[in-house]
Amino acid sequence: MITLENITKSFNHEGQDQVVLQDINLDVNKGEFLCIVGPSGCGKTTLLRMIAGLDFPTSGRILEEDVEISHPSIERGYVFQQYSLFPWLNVLENVTFGLELKEMKEDERLQKAREYLKMVGLSQAETSYPRELSGGMKQRVAIARSLVNDPHVLLMDEPFSALDVQTRHKLQEELVRIWKEEQKTIIFVTHNVDEAIFLADRVVVLSRNPGKVIKSFQVKLERLRDRSSSQFLELKKEITSFLDYEW
């Protein structure tokens, strides 16, 4: 589905090239829930932005179904860390925004938007404005807005990091349910190992700057996962040990 071939990314800082990501090779399978974890500054968000077509590698290439990614596309939905809703639009209008750009008929786009608002549990909030919503509700709207365009891939950049633990856990459960229903490919960036294990089919660990793939873990625990189980805690300890090591 998504293939990263020998990806290196550097930025020019005060006349010198600073390497952020180095020699990244990664295949993401269709329908897979992949989590990328790593310490702050290791290039996780930069990697996600390149998959989205919002930034580009210094060397190497990124392919979607054997076609090199060269620009953003509605086939790759993006949920940002910060709430990226239009404050002057209500919930329903935020979700239908992309469908309007596609010139979908009004009755069709309203019906489709309401289906996804129901899926994320916000049917009663369609006339509310972002300022009237909690953080968790805003992220549900953002997820619905991405899914309503029927992307092949959903890219998520630490979308729950600003939320309290209880809300974050609830939205993690909701995301797993939605992923099962929609059967989308999800690439989810986080620095939270607990979150990654709870969500993912596979967890890819990046090293400190420059970011390199140092280990990939298949998560074979049954969903919904018990965070207090010995298997969960053992895997968490193992992944954390790789993050703590100075590579």
C-alpha atoms as a PDB file:
ATOM      1  CA  MET A   1       0.000   0.000   0.000  1.00  0.00           C
ATOM      2  CA  ILE A   2       2.647   2.518   1.134  1.00  0.00           C
ATOM      3  CA  THR A   3       6.349   1.927   0.486  1.00  0.00           C
ATOM      4  CA  LEU A   4       9.224   4.058   1.774  1.00  0.00           C
ATOM      5  CA  GLU A   5      12.493   3.430  -0.053  1.00  0.00           C
ATOM      6  CA  ASN A   6      15.782   4.704   1.393  1.00  0.00           C
ATOM      7  CA  ILE A   7      14.221   7.889   2.762  1.00  0.00           C
ATOM      8  CA  THR A   8      16.613  10.529   4.045  1.00  0.00           C
ATOM      9  CA  LYS A   9      15.473  14.026   4.996  1.00  0.00           C
ATOM     10  CA  SER A  10      17.695  16.943   5.897  1.00  0.00           C
ATOM     11  CA  PHE A  11      17.090  20.627   6.560  1.00  0.00           C
ATOM     12  CA  ASN A  12      19.493  23.527   6.081  1.00  0.00           C
ATOM     13  CA  HIS A  13      20.154  25.192   9.427  1.00  0.00           C
ATOM     14  CA  GLU A  14      22.501  28.187   9.538  1.00  0.00           C
ATOM     15  CA  GLY A  15      24.227  27.057   6.358  1.00  0.00           C
ATOM     16  CA  GLN A  16      24.652  23.435   7.421  1.00  0.00           C
ATOM     17  CA  ASP A  17      22.581  20.398   6.470  1.00  0.00           C
ATOM     18  CA  GLN A  18      20.949  18.781   9.497  1.00  0.00           C
ATOM     19  CA  VAL A  19      19.831  15.188   8.897  1.00  0.00           C
ATOM     20  CA  VAL A  20      16.459  14.479  10.526  1.00  0.00           C
ATOM     21  CA  LEU A  21      15.651  11.059   9.044  1.00  0.00           C
ATOM     22  CA  GLN A  22      18.142   8.596   7.602  1.00  0.00           C
ATOM     23  CA  ASP A  23      17.764   5.496   5.418  1.00  0.00           C
ATOM     24  CA  ILE A  24      14.140   4.738   6.246  1.00  0.00           C
ATOM     25  CA  ASN A  25      12.813   1.615   4.539  1.00  0.00           C
ATOM     26  CA  LEU A  26       9.271   0.605   5.405  1.00  0.00           C
ATOM     27  CA  ASP A  27       6.282  -1.164   3.873  1.00  0.00           C
ATOM     28  CA  VAL A  28       2.765  -0.496   5.169  1.00  0.00           C
ATOM     29  CA  ASN A  29       0.219  -3.135   4.219  1.00  0.00           C
ATOM     30  CA  LYS A  30      -3.314  -2.431   3.062  1.00  0.00           C
ATOM     31  CA  GLY A  31      -5.686  -2.342   6.027  1.00  0.00           C
ATOM     32  CA  GLU A  32      -2.839  -2.322   8.548  1.00  0.00           C
ATOM     33  CA  PHE A  33      -2.889  -0.208  11.701  1.00  0.00           C
ATOM     34  CA  LEU A  34       0.720   0.915  12.026  1.00  0.00           C
ATOM     35  CA  CYS A  35       2.043   3.014  14.899  1.00  0.00           C
ATOM     36  CA  ILE A  36       5.358   4.866  14.695  1.00  0.00           C
ATOM     37  CA  VAL A  37       6.966   5.692  18.039  1.00  0.00           C
ATOM     38  CA  GLY A  38      10.140   7.524  18.883  1.00  0.00           C
ATOM     39  CA  PRO A  39      11.581  10.233  21.106  1.00  0.00           C
ATOM     40  CA  SER A  40      10.810  13.906  20.512  1.00  0.00           C
ATOM     41  CA  GLY A  41      12.719  15.351  17.573  1.00  0.00           C
ATOM     42  CA  CYS A  42      13.348  12.030  15.820  1.00  0.00           C
ATOM     43  CA  GLY A  43      11.374  13.054  12.708  1.00  0.00           C
ATOM     44  CA  LYS A  44       8.048  11.241  13.254  1.00  0.00           C
ATOM     45  CA  THR A  45       5.910  14.175  12.119  1.00  0.00           C
ATOM     46  CA  THR A  46       8.256  14.944   9.219  1.00  0.00           C
ATOM     47  CA  LEU A  47       7.903  11.341   8.066  1.00  0.00           C
ATOM     48  CA  LEU A  48       4.112  11.539   8.234  1.00  0.00           C
ATOM     49  CA  ARG A  49       4.089  14.854   6.339  1.00  0.00           C
ATOM     50  CA  MET A  50       6.138  13.277   3.542  1.00  0.00           C
ATOM     51  CA  ILE A  51       3.710  10.360   3.279  1.00  0.00           C
ATOM     52  CA  ALA A  52       0.919  12.945   3.058  1.00  0.00           C
ATOM     53  CA  GLY A  53       2.716  14.781   0.254  1.00  0.00           C
ATOM     54  CA  LEU A  54       3.078  17.942   2.367  1.00  0.00           C
ATOM     55  CA  ASP A  55       6.881  17.643   2.419  1.00  0.00           C
ATOM     56  CA  PHE A  56       9.421  15.726   0.361  1.00  0.00           C
ATOM     57  CA  PRO A  57      12.475  13.545   1.005  1.00  0.00           C
ATOM     58  CA  THR A  58      15.977  14.827   0.335  1.00  0.00           C
ATOM     59  CA  SER A  59      16.682  11.417  -1.154  1.00  0.00           C
ATOM     60  CA  GLY A  60      14.706   8.221  -1.677  1.00  0.00           C
ATOM     61  CA  ARG A  61      11.064   7.951  -2.639  1.00  0.00           C
ATOM     62  CA  ILE A  62       7.637   7.195  -1.165  1.00  0.00           C
ATOM     63  CA  LEU A  63       5.133   5.156  -3.168  1.00  0.00           C
ATOM     64  CA  GLU A  64       1.402   4.623  -2.831  1.00  0.00           C
ATOM     65  CA  GLU A  65       0.347   1.548  -4.780  1.00  0.00           C
ATOM     66  CA  ASP A  66       3.568   1.796  -6.853  1.00  0.00           C
ATOM     67  CA  VAL A  67       3.003   5.475  -7.749  1.00  0.00           C
ATOM     68  CA  GLU A  68       5.432   7.999  -6.275  1.00  0.00           C
ATOM     69  CA  ILE A  69       3.798  10.529  -3.961  1.00  0.00           C
ATOM     70  CA  SER A  70       4.434  14.036  -5.295  1.00  0.00           C
ATOM     71  CA  HIS A  71       1.572  16.102  -3.839  1.00  0.00           C
ATOM     72  CA  PRO A  72      -1.218  16.010  -1.242  1.00  0.00           C
ATOM     73  CA  SER A  73      -4.280  13.940  -2.092  1.00  0.00           C
ATOM     74  CA  ILE A  74      -7.743  13.302  -0.688  1.00  0.00           C
ATOM     75  CA  GLU A  75      -6.730   9.624  -0.842  1.00  0.00           C
ATOM     76  CA  ARG A  76      -4.553  10.341   2.213  1.00  0.00           C
ATOM     77  CA  GLY A  77      -6.566  11.869   5.053  1.00  0.00           C
ATOM     78  CA  TYR A  78      -4.623  13.752   7.744  1.00  0.00           C
ATOM     79  CA  VAL A  79      -5.628  14.298  11.381  1.00  0.00           C
ATOM     80  CA  PHE A  80      -3.339  16.856  13.027  1.00  0.00           C
ATOM     81  CA  GLN A  81      -2.138  17.056  16.619  1.00  0.00           C
ATOM     82  CA  GLN A  82      -3.858  20.416  17.044  1.00  0.00           C
ATOM     83  CA  TYR A  83      -7.573  20.777  16.382  1.00  0.00           C
ATOM     84  CA  SER A  84      -7.690  21.912  12.754  1.00  0.00           C
ATOM     85  CA  LEU A  85     -11.371  22.812  12.473  1.00  0.00           C
ATOM     86  CA  PHE A  86     -12.735  25.950  10.829  1.00  0.00           C
ATOM     87  CA  PRO A  87     -14.069  28.017  13.765  1.00  0.00           C
ATOM     88  CA  TRP A  88     -16.635  29.852  11.617  1.00  0.00           C
ATOM     89  CA  LEU A  89     -18.274  26.593  10.492  1.00  0.00           C
ATOM     90  CA  ASN A  90     -20.452  24.347  12.632  1.00  0.00           C
ATOM     91  CA  VAL A  91     -19.736  20.642  13.050  1.00  0.00           C
ATOM     92  CA  LEU A  92     -21.786  19.511  10.062  1.00  0.00           C
ATOM     93  CA  GLU A  93     -20.290  22.212   7.829  1.00  0.00           C
ATOM     94  CA  ASN A  94     -16.763  21.257   8.892  1.00  0.00           C
ATOM     95  CA  VAL A  95     -17.380  17.631   7.947  1.00  0.00           C
ATOM     96  CA  THR A  96     -19.004  18.462   4.595  1.00  0.00           C
ATOM     97  CA  PHE A  97     -16.302  20.975   3.597  1.00  0.00           C
ATOM     98  CA  GLY A  98     -14.231  18.520   1.554  1.00  0.00           C
ATOM     99  CA  LEU A  99     -17.339  17.081  -0.108  1.00  0.00           C
ATOM    100  CA  GLU A 100     -18.322  20.582  -1.237  1.00  0.00           C
ATOM    101  CA  LEU A 101     -14.926  20.963  -2.897  1.00  0.00           C
ATOM    102  CA  LYS A 102     -15.643  17.715  -4.746  1.00  0.00           C
ATOM    103  CA  GLU A 103     -18.950  19.299  -5.871  1.00  0.00           C
ATOM    104  CA  MET A 104     -21.037  16.518  -4.386  1.00  0.00           C
ATOM    105  CA  LYS A 105     -24.764  17.259  -4.370  1.00  0.00           C
ATOM    106  CA  GLU A 106     -25.993  18.830  -1.143  1.00  0.00           C
ATOM    107  CA  ASP A 107     -28.367  16.045  -0.113  1.00  0.00           C
ATOM    108  CA  GLU A 108     -25.677  13.419  -0.741  1.00  0.00           C
ATOM    109  CA  ARG A 109     -22.985  15.215   1.214  1.00  0.00           C
ATOM    110  CA  LEU A 110     -25.307  15.908   4.153  1.00  0.00           C
ATOM    111  CA  GLN A 111     -26.355  12.269   4.297  1.00  0.00           C
ATOM    112  CA  LYS A 112     -22.755  11.061   4.145  1.00  0.00           C
ATOM    113  CA  ALA A 113     -21.551  13.566   6.738  1.00  0.00           C
ATOM    114  CA  ARG A 114     -24.315  12.565   9.146  1.00  0.00           C
ATOM    115  CA  GLU A 115     -23.377   8.910   8.747  1.00  0.00           C
ATOM    116  CA  TYR A 116     -19.832   9.665   9.900  1.00  0.00           C
ATOM    117  CA  LEU A 117     -20.944  11.963  12.694  1.00  0.00           C
ATOM    118  CA  LYS A 118     -23.083   9.086  13.933  1.00  0.00           C
ATOM    119  CA  MET A 119     -20.073   6.786  13.681  1.00  0.00           C
ATOM    120  CA  VAL A 120     -18.013   9.067  15.947  1.00  0.00           C
ATOM    121  CA  GLY A 121     -20.919   9.650  18.322  1.00  0.00           C
ATOM    122  CA  LEU A 122     -21.637  13.300  17.479  1.00  0.00           C
ATOM    123  CA  SER A 123     -25.047  13.177  15.816  1.00  0.00           C
ATOM    124  CA  GLN A 124     -26.453  15.553  18.443  1.00  0.00           C
ATOM    125  CA  ALA A 125     -23.701  18.139  17.925  1.00  0.00           C
ATOM    126  CA  GLU A 126     -23.991  18.878  14.207  1.00  0.00           C
ATOM    127  CA  THR A 127     -25.128  22.504  14.739  1.00  0.00           C
ATOM    128  CA  SER A 128     -22.494  23.241  17.409  1.00  0.00           C
ATOM    129  CA  TYR A 129     -19.389  25.329  16.694  1.00  0.00           C
ATOM    130  CA  PRO A 130     -15.825  24.275  17.591  1.00  0.00           C
ATOM    131  CA  ARG A 131     -15.683  26.756  20.502  1.00  0.00           C
ATOM    132  CA  GLU A 132     -18.580  24.858  22.100  1.00  0.00           C
ATOM    133  CA  LEU A 133     -16.854  21.464  21.943  1.00  0.00           C
ATOM    134  CA  SER A 134     -14.457  19.698  24.274  1.00  0.00           C
ATOM    135  CA  GLY A 135     -11.036  18.653  23.012  1.00  0.00           C
ATOM    136  CA  GLY A 136     -12.154  15.057  22.550  1.00  0.00           C
ATOM    137  CA  MET A 137     -15.218  16.130  20.576  1.00  0.00           C
ATOM    138  CA  LYS A 138     -13.087  18.338  18.318  1.00  0.00           C
ATOM    139  CA  GLN A 139     -10.840  15.410  17.471  1.00  0.00           C
ATOM    140  CA  ARG A 140     -13.880  13.250  16.719  1.00  0.00           C
ATOM    141  CA  VAL A 141     -15.025  15.906  14.241  1.00  0.00           C
ATOM    142  CA  ALA A 142     -11.552  15.959  12.689  1.00  0.00           C
ATOM    143  CA  ILE A 143     -11.620  12.164  12.303  1.00  0.00           C
ATOM    144  CA  ALA A 144     -15.106  12.274  10.742  1.00  0.00           C
ATOM    145  CA  ARG A 145     -13.981  15.037   8.364  1.00  0.00           C
ATOM    146  CA  SER A 146     -11.055  12.905   7.197  1.00  0.00           C
ATOM    147  CA  LEU A 147     -13.050   9.679   6.852  1.00  0.00           C
ATOM    148  CA  VAL A 148     -15.995  11.229   4.992  1.00  0.00           C
ATOM    149  CA  ASN A 149     -13.742  11.744   1.952  1.00  0.00           C
ATOM    150  CA  ASP A 150     -13.121   7.977   1.876  1.00  0.00           C
ATOM    151  CA  PRO A 151      -9.303   8.114   1.870  1.00  0.00           C
ATOM    152  CA  HIS A 152      -7.245   5.006   1.223  1.00  0.00           C
ATOM    153  CA  VAL A 153      -4.932   5.926   4.098  1.00  0.00           C
ATOM    154  CA  LEU A 154      -5.586   7.831   7.331  1.00  0.00           C
ATOM    155  CA  LEU A 155      -2.530   9.632   8.735  1.00  0.00           C
ATOM    156  CA  MET A 156      -2.728  10.660  12.394  1.00  0.00           C
ATOM    157  CA  ASP A 157      -0.138  12.860  14.106  1.00  0.00           C
ATOM    158  CA  GLU A 158      -0.405  12.410  17.892  1.00  0.00           C
ATOM    159  CA  PRO A 159      -4.106  13.348  17.745  1.00  0.00           C
ATOM    160  CA  PHE A 160      -4.861  12.480  21.376  1.00  0.00           C
ATOM    161  CA  SER A 161      -1.730  13.850  23.073  1.00  0.00           C
ATOM    162  CA  ALA A 162      -3.399  17.002  24.453  1.00  0.00           C
ATOM    163  CA  LEU A 163      -6.293  15.099  26.058  1.00  0.00           C
ATOM    164  CA  ASP A 164      -6.683  13.830  29.606  1.00  0.00           C
ATOM    165  CA  VAL A 165      -6.039  10.117  30.164  1.00  0.00           C
ATOM    166  CA  GLN A 166      -9.698   9.103  30.459  1.00  0.00           C
ATOM    167  CA  THR A 167     -10.722  10.892  27.236  1.00  0.00           C
ATOM    168  CA  ARG A 168      -7.653   9.618  25.415  1.00  0.00           C
ATOM    169  CA  HIS A 169      -8.423   6.005  26.354  1.00  0.00           C
ATOM    170  CA  LYS A 170     -12.042   6.394  25.260  1.00  0.00           C
ATOM    171  CA  LEU A 171     -11.036   7.826  21.872  1.00  0.00           C
ATOM    172  CA  GLN A 172      -8.453   5.075  21.401  1.00  0.00           C
ATOM    173  CA  GLU A 173     -11.239   2.525  21.849  1.00  0.00           C
ATOM    174  CA  GLU A 174     -13.454   4.461  19.417  1.00  0.00           C
ATOM    175  CA  LEU A 175     -10.653   4.603  16.850  1.00  0.00           C
ATOM    176  CA  VAL A 176     -10.143   0.831  16.991  1.00  0.00           C
ATOM    177  CA  ARG A 177     -13.885   0.334  16.477  1.00  0.00           C
ATOM    178  CA  ILE A 178     -13.951   2.738  13.513  1.00  0.00           C
ATOM    179  CA  TRP A 179     -10.852   1.116  11.993  1.00  0.00           C
ATOM    180  CA  LYS A 180     -12.544  -2.298  12.169  1.00  0.00           C
ATOM    181  CA  GLU A 181     -15.694  -0.934  10.511  1.00  0.00           C
ATOM    182  CA  GLU A 182     -13.939   1.104   7.815  1.00  0.00           C
ATOM    183  CA  GLN A 183     -10.992  -1.241   7.182  1.00  0.00           C
ATOM    184  CA  LYS A 184      -8.727   1.703   6.420  1.00  0.00           C
ATOM    185  CA  THR A 185      -4.959   1.717   6.444  1.00  0.00           C
ATOM    186  CA  ILE A 186      -3.914   3.877   9.424  1.00  0.00           C
ATOM    187  CA  ILE A 187      -0.446   5.290  10.097  1.00  0.00           C
ATOM    188  CA  PHE A 188      -0.437   6.748  13.593  1.00  0.00           C
ATOM    189  CA  VAL A 189       2.443   8.730  15.098  1.00  0.00           C
ATOM    190  CA  THR A 190       2.850   8.822  18.875  1.00  0.00           C
ATOM    191  CA  HIS A 191       5.515   9.029  21.569  1.00  0.00           C
ATOM    192  CA  ASN A 192       3.243   7.058  23.926  1.00  0.00           C
ATOM    193  CA  VAL A 193       4.189   3.356  23.988  1.00  0.00           C
ATOM    194  CA  ASP A 194       1.011   2.373  25.858  1.00  0.00           C
ATOM    195  CA  GLU A 195      -1.097   4.014  23.137  1.00  0.00           C
ATOM    196  CA  ALA A 196       0.868   2.353  20.346  1.00  0.00           C
ATOM    197  CA  ILE A 197       0.464  -1.148  21.792  1.00  0.00           C
ATOM    198  CA  PHE A 198      -3.243  -0.619  22.465  1.00  0.00           C
ATOM    199  CA  LEU A 199      -3.912   0.498  18.881  1.00  0.00           C
ATOM    200  CA  ALA A 200      -1.501  -1.131  16.482  1.00  0.00           C
ATOM    201  CA  ASP A 201      -1.070  -4.282  14.467  1.00  0.00           C
ATOM    202  CA  ARG A 202       2.589  -3.302  14.305  1.00  0.00           C
ATOM    203  CA  VAL A 203       4.766  -0.805  16.172  1.00  0.00           C
ATOM    204  CA  VAL A 204       7.809   0.668  14.413  1.00  0.00           C
ATOM    205  CA  VAL A 205      10.424   2.256  16.680  1.00  0.00           C
ATOM    206  CA  LEU A 206      12.593   5.147  15.504  1.00  0.00           C
ATOM    207  CA  SER A 207      15.923   6.087  17.070  1.00  0.00           C
ATOM    208  CA  ARG A 208      16.903   9.506  18.336  1.00  0.00           C
ATOM    209  CA  ASN A 209      17.869  12.154  15.795  1.00  0.00           C
ATOM    210  CA  PRO A 210      18.545  11.333  13.054  1.00  0.00           C
ATOM    211  CA  GLY A 211      15.580   9.003  13.048  1.00  0.00           C
ATOM    212  CA  LYS A 212      16.242   5.475  11.834  1.00  0.00           C
ATOM    213  CA  VAL A 213      14.081   2.353  12.042  1.00  0.00           C
ATOM    214  CA  ILE A 214      15.649   0.307  14.841  1.00  0.00           C
ATOM    215  CA  LYS A 215      12.948  -2.299  15.480  1.00  0.00           C
ATOM    216  CA  SER A 216       9.498  -3.436  14.336  1.00  0.00           C
ATOM    217  CA  PHE A 217       7.135  -5.249  16.726  1.00  0.00           C
ATOM    218  CA  GLN A 218       4.092  -7.276  15.677  1.00  0.00           C
ATOM    219  CA  VAL A 219       1.358  -6.870  18.291  1.00  0.00           C
ATOM    220  CA  LYS A 220      -0.547 -10.146  18.469  1.00  0.00           C
ATOM    221  CA  LEU A 221      -2.720  -9.351  21.496  1.00  0.00           C
ATOM    222  CA  GLU A 222      -6.470  -9.671  21.039  1.00  0.00           C
ATOM    223  CA  ARG A 223      -8.541  -6.464  20.873  1.00  0.00           C
ATOM    224  CA  LEU A 224      -9.781  -4.703  22.913  1.00  0.00           C
ATOM    225  CA  ARG A 225      -6.507  -4.974  24.748  1.00  0.00           C
ATOM    226  CA  ASP A 226      -6.039  -5.172  28.477  1.00  0.00           C
ATOM    227  CA  ARG A 227      -3.387  -2.612  29.448  1.00  0.00           C
ATOM    228  CA  SER A 228      -2.813  -4.404  32.768  1.00  0.00           C
ATOM    229  CA  SER A 229      -2.177  -7.862  31.305  1.00  0.00           C
ATOM    230  CA  SER A 230       1.267  -9.409  31.669  1.00  0.00           C
ATOM    231  CA  GLN A 231       1.664  -9.709  27.879  1.00  0.00           C
ATOM    232  CA  PHE A 232       0.822  -6.026  27.365  1.00  0.00           C
ATOM    233  CA  LEU A 233       3.195  -4.876  30.110  1.00  0.00           C
ATOM    234  CA  GLU A 234       5.988  -7.164  28.906  1.00  0.00           C
ATOM    235  CA  LEU A 235       5.777  -5.766  25.372  1.00  0.00           C
ATOM    236  CA  LYS A 236       5.633  -2.217  26.731  1.00  0.00           C
ATOM    237  CA  LYS A 237       8.811  -2.835  28.719  1.00  0.00           C
ATOM    238  CA  GLU A 238      10.589  -4.264  25.667  1.00  0.00           C
ATOM    239  CA  ILE A 239       9.631  -1.365  23.362  1.00  0.00           C
ATOM    240  CA  THR A 240      10.536   1.197  26.026  1.00  0.00           C
ATOM    241  CA  SER A 241      13.973  -0.374  26.412  1.00  0.00           C
ATOM    242  CA  PHE A 242      14.646   0.256  22.716  1.00  0.00           C
ATOM    243  CA  LEU A 243      13.526   3.881  23.079  1.00  0.00           C
ATOM    244  CA  ASP A 244      15.768   4.414  26.108  1.00  0.00           C
ATOM    245  CA  TYR A 245      18.861   3.002  24.428  1.00  0.00           C
ATOM    246  CA  GLU A 246      21.298   5.544  22.916  1.00  0.00           C
ATOM    247  CA  TRP A 247      21.536   4.295  19.342  1.00  0.00           C
END
